[in-house]
Amino acid sequence: MTRHHRIRRGKKERTEEESFRATMASVTSPFTTTNASFLLRSNSQNHQPAHRSFPLPPRACLNESQDQHRIQLNRRQFISQTAAIVAATAPLTLIDQSPAVADEALSQWERVYLPIDPGVVLLDIAFVPDDPTHGFVLGTRQTLLETKDGGATWFPRSIASAEEEDFNYRFNSISFKGNEGWIVGKPAILLYTPDAGETWKRIPLSAQLPGDMVYIKATGDQSAEMVTDEGAIYVTSNRGYNWKAAVQETVSATLNRTVSSGISGASYYTGSFNTVNRSPDGRYVAVSSRGNFYMTWEPGQAFWQPHNRAVARRIQNMGWRADGGLWLLVRGGGLYLSKGTGITEDFEEIPVQSRGFGILDVGYRSQEEAWAAGGSGVLLRTTNGGKSWIRDKAADNIAANLYSVKFMEGNQGFVLGNDGVLLRYLG
């Protein structure tokens, strides 16, 4: 053999040795004590070898015969050893996948994709009591969708009387009692259906109506209760042809008449309600537009009753618990529950994990179970009436604010958000 051939062979042997060393150092031992899921995350995310590998003596510690023996390792031995190691580590992949599947199965919500334009904010949802599979969801940009399978799929509905004028209505509220249904919106519009939404008729309204209609509740045969953002409450018992005022004056008039009442922020009040919520027995709680106080009203009272907020931060929203008490949300993510039931100014703070995002609404499915929703997909659950809350990760990857939580009869529940986000409760 010539000197030239010997040199080329030496280079080839050194290359094989270096390749063997690099490969063996990058393969993780199947007998490492490191947790399997950590190894998989480390290799997939950081692209770094695990900290345990097959022991390989430093090159300086090898004598000449040992070094020659390792150099002469043929290719078949190398491939067989590598294949055995890969086969031994394969079961670790299966172990890592199972927890992810289990986490997804724990969620009790699914997202329903709607045939609407991006940017639509969903504002309310209601189902026909006699047919819980038949319902409607509405929102901004004159959005009205209908479902006949319990909310799994939705299709657009158009109302001719709402399209005759050059307005882009914001539908604020919808309610059904039997087959009769009502919708209110802004600019001022009132719609009525006697046949579970098959047809909708527009009811004329007075141009002197104080404020914008923000809420309506179907209360009986041809009867409904309507609220404006200035605190006017009207009731009808003849399909909306006539309305009677349930309060004697607007909130602005009440507060400016009682400037010495000691209500912080009430003097020379000219604002409106930010939120209005009704209890099943007809009581109302409303938050001022600036969030510096709240007001309540009960059937039979002539005026709204103002209340100082019991917390330092401004109020975001308020509503009724299933046991008749109140819940209160403050800007920045705080949640408070009233002590006892009924209307009160005595609240206690409940720790919640809102990830720094504001909580925007709370909905009770029963006296024990309730859900809270908020900014950036925050979703919280309680199973003890609100004493403690845990975060549900169902909406963590949804880039939207969740504005409203609605529960109907039985297991029906929905969360409404911006950009057309709709979550359906699976139970």
Protein backbone atom coordinates (compact mmCIF):
# COMPACT_ATOMS: atom_id res chain seq x y z
CA MET A 1 0.00 0.00 0.00
CA THR A 2 1.35 3.41 -0.98
CA ARG A 3 1.90 6.23 1.43
CA HIS A 4 -0.86 8.20 -0.36
CA HIS A 5 -3.40 5.45 0.25
CA ARG A 6 -2.44 5.13 3.88
CA ILE A 7 -3.00 8.88 4.40
CA ARG A 8 -6.45 8.76 2.77
CA ARG A 9 -7.41 5.73 4.85
CA GLY A 10 -6.32 7.46 8.06
CA LYS A 11 -8.50 10.46 7.28
CA LYS A 12 -11.49 8.20 6.58
CA GLU A 13 -11.03 6.32 9.86
CA ARG A 14 -10.77 9.54 11.83
CA THR A 15 -13.95 10.84 10.17
CA GLU A 16 -15.86 7.66 11.14
CA GLU A 17 -14.64 7.94 14.72
CA GLU A 18 -15.71 11.59 15.02
CA SER A 19 -19.13 10.78 13.54
CA PHE A 20 -19.59 7.92 16.01
CA ARG A 21 -18.63 10.09 18.98
CA ALA A 22 -20.99 12.92 17.95
CA THR A 23 -23.95 10.57 17.41
CA MET A 24 -23.47 8.66 20.67
CA ALA A 25 -23.21 11.87 22.63
CA SER A 26 -26.53 13.17 21.20
CA VAL A 27 -28.57 10.02 21.94
CA THR A 28 -30.27 9.97 25.35
CA SER A 29 -29.93 6.86 27.46
CA PRO A 30 -33.23 4.99 27.94
CA PHE A 31 -32.21 4.39 31.55
CA THR A 32 -31.84 8.06 32.54
CA THR A 33 -33.61 9.10 35.72
CA THR A 34 -34.79 12.36 34.18
CA ASN A 35 -38.60 12.64 33.82
CA ALA A 36 -39.74 11.52 30.36
CA SER A 37 -41.88 14.55 29.60
CA PHE A 38 -38.99 16.87 30.49
CA LEU A 39 -36.69 15.08 28.08
CA LEU A 40 -39.16 15.41 25.24
CA ARG A 41 -39.77 19.09 25.90
CA SER A 42 -36.05 19.73 26.16
CA ASN A 43 -35.26 18.04 22.85
CA SER A 44 -38.18 19.58 20.94
CA GLN A 45 -38.03 23.11 22.28
CA ASN A 46 -34.41 23.86 22.97
CA HIS A 47 -32.78 21.46 20.49
CA GLN A 48 -30.20 20.56 23.14
CA PRO A 49 -29.14 17.03 24.12
CA ALA A 50 -30.35 15.67 27.45
CA HIS A 51 -27.93 15.85 30.34
CA ARG A 52 -27.40 12.03 30.57
CA SER A 53 -25.79 10.02 27.78
CA PHE A 54 -23.81 6.83 27.41
CA PRO A 55 -20.50 7.12 29.31
CA LEU A 56 -17.64 7.63 26.87
CA PRO A 57 -14.08 7.84 28.29
CA PRO A 58 -12.14 10.96 27.38
CA ARG A 59 -9.86 10.46 24.40
CA ALA A 60 -6.77 11.15 26.51
CA CYS A 61 -7.58 8.12 28.70
CA LEU A 62 -7.60 5.65 25.83
CA ASN A 63 -4.45 3.71 25.13
CA GLU A 64 -3.43 2.92 21.61
CA SER A 65 -5.03 -0.53 21.44
CA GLN A 66 -8.37 0.71 22.84
CA ASP A 67 -8.38 3.58 20.41
CA GLN A 68 -7.65 1.28 17.49
CA HIS A 69 -10.46 -1.06 18.60
CA ARG A 70 -13.04 1.75 18.62
CA ILE A 71 -11.83 3.06 15.26
CA GLN A 72 -12.36 -0.36 13.72
CA LEU A 73 -16.01 -0.52 14.83
CA ASN A 74 -17.74 -1.43 11.63
CA ARG A 75 -20.84 0.25 10.29
CA ARG A 76 -23.21 -2.66 11.02
CA GLN A 77 -22.43 -2.58 14.77
CA PHE A 78 -22.89 1.18 14.83
CA ILE A 79 -26.33 1.01 13.15
CA SER A 80 -27.57 -1.83 15.36
CA GLN A 81 -26.62 -0.03 18.59
CA THR A 82 -28.21 3.22 17.46
CA ALA A 83 -31.45 1.45 16.43
CA ALA A 84 -31.68 -0.28 19.82
CA ILE A 85 -31.37 3.03 21.66
CA VAL A 86 -34.04 4.73 19.51
CA ALA A 87 -36.42 1.78 20.02
CA ALA A 88 -35.92 1.93 23.79
CA THR A 89 -36.81 5.63 23.93
CA ALA A 90 -39.88 5.36 21.64
CA PRO A 91 -42.41 4.60 24.44
CA LEU A 92 -41.53 7.92 26.07
CA THR A 93 -43.32 9.77 23.25
CA LEU A 94 -46.60 8.03 24.08
CA ILE A 95 -46.28 8.98 27.74
CA ASP A 96 -45.84 12.64 26.86
CA GLN A 97 -48.90 12.85 24.62
CA SER A 98 -51.52 11.50 27.01
CA PRO A 99 -51.62 14.43 29.50
CA ALA A 100 -52.31 16.94 26.67
CA VAL A 101 -55.32 14.93 25.53
CA ALA A 102 -56.59 14.68 29.10
CA ASP A 103 -56.27 18.45 29.65
CA GLU A 104 -58.41 19.15 26.60
CA ALA A 105 -61.03 16.65 27.74
CA LEU A 106 -61.38 18.46 31.05
CA SER A 107 -62.79 21.59 29.39
CA GLN A 108 -66.58 21.88 29.42
CA TRP A 109 -66.80 24.38 26.56
CA GLU A 110 -66.43 24.21 22.80
CA ARG A 111 -66.13 27.05 20.32
CA VAL A 112 -68.87 27.42 17.72
CA TYR A 113 -67.79 29.18 14.53
CA LEU A 114 -70.36 31.59 13.12
CA PRO A 115 -71.00 32.82 9.56
CA ILE A 116 -70.42 36.50 10.36
CA ASP A 117 -67.85 39.18 9.59
CA PRO A 118 -64.83 39.70 11.87
CA GLY A 119 -65.30 42.50 14.36
CA VAL A 120 -68.90 41.67 15.34
CA VAL A 121 -69.53 41.79 19.10
CA LEU A 122 -72.15 39.30 20.29
CA LEU A 123 -74.43 40.88 22.88
CA ASP A 124 -77.27 38.51 23.80
CA ILE A 125 -78.72 35.06 23.20
CA ALA A 126 -82.10 33.45 23.92
CA PHE A 127 -83.97 30.22 23.18
CA VAL A 128 -87.66 29.48 22.73
CA PRO A 129 -88.82 27.93 26.04
CA ASP A 130 -91.05 25.35 24.35
CA ASP A 131 -88.23 24.29 21.99
CA PRO A 132 -84.75 24.49 23.60
CA THR A 133 -83.11 23.58 20.27
CA HIS A 134 -84.46 26.76 18.64
CA GLY A 135 -82.74 30.03 19.52
CA PHE A 136 -81.28 33.33 18.36
CA VAL A 137 -78.03 35.21 18.99
CA LEU A 138 -77.58 38.88 18.18
CA GLY A 139 -75.02 41.67 18.30
CA THR A 140 -73.53 44.66 16.56
CA ARG A 141 -73.74 45.40 12.82
CA GLN A 142 -77.37 44.24 12.75
CA THR A 143 -76.26 40.67 13.46
CA LEU A 144 -79.05 38.15 13.96
CA LEU A 145 -78.39 34.39 13.74
CA GLU A 146 -80.75 31.46 14.27
CA THR A 147 -80.16 27.86 15.37
CA LYS A 148 -82.45 24.83 15.35
CA ASP A 149 -80.04 22.27 16.80
CA GLY A 150 -79.37 23.71 20.25
CA GLY A 151 -76.59 26.07 19.18
CA ALA A 152 -74.26 23.66 17.37
CA THR A 153 -74.79 25.43 14.04
CA TRP A 154 -76.15 28.87 13.17
CA PHE A 155 -77.43 30.58 10.03
CA PRO A 156 -78.11 34.29 9.33
CA ARG A 157 -81.58 35.81 9.60
CA SER A 158 -82.70 39.06 8.06
CA ILE A 159 -85.62 41.22 9.16
CA ALA A 160 -87.13 43.23 6.33
CA SER A 161 -88.55 45.95 8.58
CA ALA A 162 -85.07 46.57 10.02
CA GLU A 163 -83.48 46.84 6.59
CA GLU A 164 -85.85 49.40 5.14
CA GLU A 165 -83.98 52.31 6.70
CA ASP A 166 -80.37 53.28 6.15
CA PHE A 167 -79.26 52.24 9.65
CA ASN A 168 -76.80 49.66 10.88
CA TYR A 169 -78.60 48.59 14.04
CA ARG A 170 -76.95 47.31 17.18
CA PHE A 171 -79.26 44.63 18.61
CA ASN A 172 -78.80 44.80 22.39
CA SER A 173 -81.23 42.36 23.97
CA ILE A 174 -83.60 39.47 23.15
CA SER A 175 -86.11 37.58 25.30
CA PHE A 176 -88.80 34.88 24.87
CA LYS A 177 -91.85 33.83 26.87
CA GLY A 178 -93.60 30.91 25.24
CA ASN A 179 -93.56 31.58 21.51
CA GLU A 180 -93.54 35.34 21.97
CA GLY A 181 -90.23 37.12 21.57
CA TRP A 182 -88.83 40.65 21.74
CA ILE A 183 -85.71 42.41 20.46
CA VAL A 184 -84.52 45.95 21.26
CA GLY A 185 -81.63 47.84 19.71
CA LYS A 186 -79.89 51.10 18.92
CA PRO A 187 -80.84 53.42 17.21
CA ALA A 188 -84.23 52.90 18.83
CA ILE A 189 -85.85 49.77 17.41
CA LEU A 190 -88.33 47.31 18.91
CA LEU A 191 -89.19 43.98 17.24
CA TYR A 192 -91.87 41.47 18.25
CA THR A 193 -92.62 37.88 17.17
CA PRO A 194 -95.75 35.87 18.07
CA ASP A 195 -94.54 32.65 16.39
CA ALA A 196 -91.12 31.78 17.89
CA GLY A 197 -89.21 33.98 15.48
CA GLU A 198 -90.70 32.80 12.20
CA THR A 199 -91.84 36.38 11.57
CA TRP A 200 -90.77 39.62 13.21
CA LYS A 201 -92.86 42.80 13.31
CA ARG A 202 -91.53 46.25 14.09
CA ILE A 203 -93.32 48.14 16.88
CA PRO A 204 -93.27 51.97 16.59
CA LEU A 205 -91.69 53.91 19.48
CA SER A 206 -91.99 57.47 20.71
CA ALA A 207 -89.22 59.83 19.64
CA GLN A 208 -89.19 61.21 23.21
CA LEU A 209 -88.07 57.94 24.75
CA PRO A 210 -85.36 58.84 27.32
CA GLY A 211 -82.10 57.09 26.50
CA ASP A 212 -81.29 54.02 24.42
CA MET A 213 -83.02 50.70 24.98
CA VAL A 214 -80.50 48.27 26.45
CA TYR A 215 -82.62 45.49 27.94
CA ILE A 216 -85.98 43.78 27.44
CA LYS A 217 -87.65 40.91 29.31
CA ALA A 218 -90.67 38.96 28.09
CA THR A 219 -92.90 38.60 31.16
CA GLY A 220 -96.14 37.02 29.95
CA ASP A 221 -98.82 36.89 27.29
CA GLN A 222 -98.24 39.97 25.10
CA SER A 223 -96.33 41.48 28.05
CA ALA A 224 -92.77 42.73 28.42
CA GLU A 225 -90.54 45.00 30.50
CA MET A 226 -88.07 47.38 28.84
CA VAL A 227 -85.16 49.41 30.31
CA THR A 228 -83.15 52.30 28.84
CA ASP A 229 -79.60 53.34 29.73
CA GLU A 230 -81.00 56.42 31.51
CA GLY A 231 -82.97 54.30 33.95
CA ALA A 232 -86.43 54.50 32.39
CA ILE A 233 -88.44 51.30 32.94
CA TYR A 234 -91.55 50.65 30.86
CA VAL A 235 -94.05 47.79 30.87
CA THR A 236 -96.58 46.68 28.28
CA SER A 237 -99.44 44.20 28.35
CA ASN A 238 -100.82 44.64 24.84
CA ARG A 239 -98.01 43.56 22.55
CA GLY A 240 -96.15 46.86 22.79
CA TYR A 241 -98.84 49.22 21.51
CA ASN A 242 -98.91 51.04 24.84
CA TRP A 243 -96.19 51.38 27.49
CA LYS A 244 -96.50 52.49 31.09
CA ALA A 245 -93.63 53.97 33.12
CA ALA A 246 -92.65 51.92 36.17
CA VAL A 247 -90.47 54.70 37.65
CA GLN A 248 -91.39 58.36 37.95
CA GLU A 249 -88.11 59.87 36.73
CA THR A 250 -84.80 59.06 35.12
CA VAL A 251 -81.67 58.34 37.10
CA SER A 252 -80.21 61.78 36.29
CA ALA A 253 -83.28 63.48 37.74
CA THR A 254 -83.20 61.31 40.86
CA LEU A 255 -79.53 61.93 41.58
CA ASN A 256 -79.61 65.66 40.86
CA ARG A 257 -82.66 66.00 43.10
CA THR A 258 -80.88 64.24 45.96
CA VAL A 259 -77.42 65.84 45.75
CA SER A 260 -77.20 65.80 49.54
CA SER A 261 -77.73 62.04 49.72
CA GLY A 262 -74.03 61.41 50.30
CA ILE A 263 -73.57 59.30 47.18
CA SER A 264 -70.05 59.78 45.87
CA GLY A 265 -70.02 60.98 42.25
CA ALA A 266 -73.78 61.50 42.10
CA SER A 267 -73.88 65.31 42.20
CA TYR A 268 -74.92 66.89 38.90
CA TYR A 269 -75.04 63.46 37.33
CA THR A 270 -75.64 63.48 33.57
CA GLY A 271 -74.31 60.06 32.65
CA SER A 272 -75.99 56.76 31.91
CA PHE A 273 -75.90 53.13 32.94
CA ASN A 274 -72.95 51.01 31.91
CA THR A 275 -74.65 47.69 32.71
CA VAL A 276 -78.15 46.63 33.81
CA ASN A 277 -79.02 43.18 35.23
CA ARG A 278 -82.41 41.81 36.28
CA SER A 279 -83.08 39.11 38.87
CA PRO A 280 -85.68 36.38 38.22
CA ASP A 281 -88.09 38.11 40.63
CA GLY A 282 -87.87 41.48 38.85
CA ARG A 283 -85.25 43.41 40.85
CA TYR A 284 -82.61 45.45 39.02
CA VAL A 285 -79.03 46.43 39.72
CA ALA A 286 -77.25 48.91 37.44
CA VAL A 287 -73.73 50.38 37.37
CA SER A 288 -73.07 54.03 36.49
CA SER A 289 -71.12 54.71 33.31
CA ARG A 290 -68.07 55.83 35.29
CA GLY A 291 -68.31 52.94 37.72
CA ASN A 292 -68.20 55.14 40.81
CA PHE A 293 -71.55 54.00 42.27
CA TYR A 294 -74.43 51.62 41.59
CA MET A 295 -78.22 51.75 41.80
CA THR A 296 -81.00 49.27 42.55
CA TRP A 297 -84.72 49.11 41.90
CA GLU A 298 -87.45 46.77 43.12
CA PRO A 299 -91.01 46.44 41.81
CA GLY A 300 -93.23 49.01 43.46
CA GLN A 301 -90.51 51.60 44.08
CA ALA A 302 -91.05 55.00 42.48
CA PHE A 303 -87.33 55.80 42.09
CA TRP A 304 -83.99 54.11 41.68
CA GLN A 305 -82.01 53.79 44.93
CA PRO A 306 -78.34 54.94 44.73
CA HIS A 307 -75.54 53.15 46.63
CA ASN A 308 -71.91 53.99 47.31
CA ARG A 309 -69.47 51.40 46.07
CA ALA A 310 -67.96 49.40 48.89
CA VAL A 311 -64.57 48.98 47.20
CA ALA A 312 -61.76 51.37 46.25
CA ARG A 313 -61.64 50.51 42.56
CA ARG A 314 -64.37 51.47 40.12
CA ILE A 315 -67.11 48.97 39.38
CA GLN A 316 -67.08 47.07 36.09
CA ASN A 317 -70.30 45.08 36.37
CA MET A 318 -72.81 43.74 38.89
CA GLY A 319 -75.43 41.01 38.86
CA TRP A 320 -77.46 38.50 40.84
CA ARG A 321 -76.36 35.19 42.28
CA ALA A 322 -78.60 32.15 42.15
CA ASP A 323 -79.29 32.48 45.90
CA GLY A 324 -80.52 36.09 45.57
CA GLY A 325 -77.29 37.81 46.62
CA LEU A 326 -75.13 40.12 44.50
CA TRP A 327 -71.80 39.71 42.75
CA LEU A 328 -69.61 42.69 41.92
CA LEU A 329 -66.67 43.03 39.50
CA VAL A 330 -64.15 45.87 39.65
CA ARG A 331 -61.90 47.19 36.94
CA GLY A 332 -58.61 45.34 36.99
CA GLY A 333 -59.94 41.87 37.73
CA GLY A 334 -61.35 41.86 41.28
CA LEU A 335 -64.44 39.84 42.25
CA TYR A 336 -66.64 40.51 45.29
CA LEU A 337 -69.71 38.77 46.73
CA SER A 338 -72.31 40.37 48.95
CA LYS A 339 -72.68 39.06 52.47
CA GLY A 340 -76.06 37.36 52.69
CA THR A 341 -78.85 37.78 50.16
CA GLY A 342 -80.83 40.76 48.93
CA ILE A 343 -79.63 44.30 48.28
CA THR A 344 -76.72 45.45 50.43
CA GLU A 345 -73.52 47.52 50.42
CA ASP A 346 -71.54 44.93 52.38
CA PHE A 347 -69.21 42.89 50.14
CA GLU A 348 -66.20 40.63 50.63
CA GLU A 349 -63.41 40.05 48.10
CA ILE A 350 -62.91 36.58 46.62
CA PRO A 351 -59.41 35.64 45.34
CA VAL A 352 -59.39 34.80 41.63
CA GLN A 353 -56.69 33.95 39.08
CA SER A 354 -57.57 36.30 36.25
CA ARG A 355 -53.97 36.56 34.94
CA GLY A 356 -54.17 40.34 35.31
CA PHE A 357 -57.10 40.70 32.89
CA GLY A 358 -60.44 42.18 33.87
CA ILE A 359 -63.44 39.95 34.60
CA LEU A 360 -66.47 41.19 32.67
CA ASP A 361 -69.40 38.95 33.59
CA VAL A 362 -70.58 36.11 35.85
CA GLY A 363 -73.30 33.57 35.10
CA TYR A 364 -74.79 31.07 37.56
CA ARG A 365 -75.86 27.64 36.31
CA SER A 366 -77.02 26.62 39.80
CA GLN A 367 -76.57 27.85 43.36
CA GLU A 368 -73.24 26.03 43.54
CA GLU A 369 -71.84 26.24 39.99
CA ALA A 370 -71.04 29.50 38.23
CA TRP A 371 -68.70 30.74 35.51
CA ALA A 372 -66.88 34.05 35.12
CA ALA A 373 -65.48 35.38 31.85
CA GLY A 374 -63.29 38.31 30.89
CA GLY A 375 -60.52 39.81 28.84
CA SER A 376 -58.17 37.75 26.67
CA GLY A 377 -60.17 34.55 27.02
CA VAL A 378 -60.28 34.42 30.83
CA LEU A 379 -62.68 31.69 31.98
CA LEU A 380 -63.16 30.78 35.67
CA ARG A 381 -65.37 28.24 37.42
CA THR A 382 -66.73 27.77 40.94
CA THR A 383 -68.51 24.74 42.33
CA ASN A 384 -69.12 26.05 45.84
CA GLY A 385 -71.26 29.12 45.23
CA GLY A 386 -68.32 31.44 44.56
CA LYS A 387 -66.11 30.84 47.59
CA SER A 388 -63.24 29.66 45.38
CA TRP A 389 -62.56 29.75 41.64
CA ILE A 390 -60.35 27.75 39.29
CA ARG A 391 -59.29 28.70 35.78
CA ASP A 392 -60.53 26.75 32.78
CA LYS A 393 -58.11 26.82 29.84
CA ALA A 394 -60.78 26.32 27.18
CA ALA A 395 -60.39 29.85 25.78
CA ASP A 396 -56.70 30.52 26.54
CA ASN A 397 -55.81 30.47 22.84
CA ILE A 398 -58.75 32.62 21.75
CA ALA A 399 -57.66 36.20 21.12
CA ALA A 400 -60.92 37.80 22.20
CA ASN A 401 -62.65 39.38 25.17
CA LEU A 402 -65.53 37.36 26.63
CA TYR A 403 -68.30 39.78 27.58
CA SER A 404 -71.29 37.73 28.65
CA VAL A 405 -72.11 34.38 30.30
CA LYS A 406 -75.63 33.04 29.75
CA PHE A 407 -77.26 29.92 31.19
CA MET A 408 -80.75 28.78 30.22
CA GLU A 409 -82.87 25.92 31.46
CA GLY A 410 -81.14 22.61 31.97
CA ASN A 411 -77.57 22.36 30.74
CA GLN A 412 -77.74 25.07 28.08
CA GLY A 413 -75.05 27.70 28.44
CA PHE A 414 -73.10 30.09 26.21
CA VAL A 415 -70.28 32.64 26.48
CA LEU A 416 -70.39 35.60 24.10
CA GLY A 417 -67.42 37.70 23.02
CA ASN A 418 -66.06 40.08 20.43
CA ASP A 419 -64.95 39.06 16.92
CA GLY A 420 -67.94 36.72 16.79
CA VAL A 421 -66.62 34.38 19.49
CA LEU A 422 -69.27 31.99 20.84
CA LEU A 423 -68.58 29.19 23.32
CA ARG A 424 -71.14 26.45 24.00
CA TYR A 425 -71.39 24.66 27.33
CA LEU A 426 -71.02 20.88 27.09
CA GLY A 427 -71.89 20.02 30.69
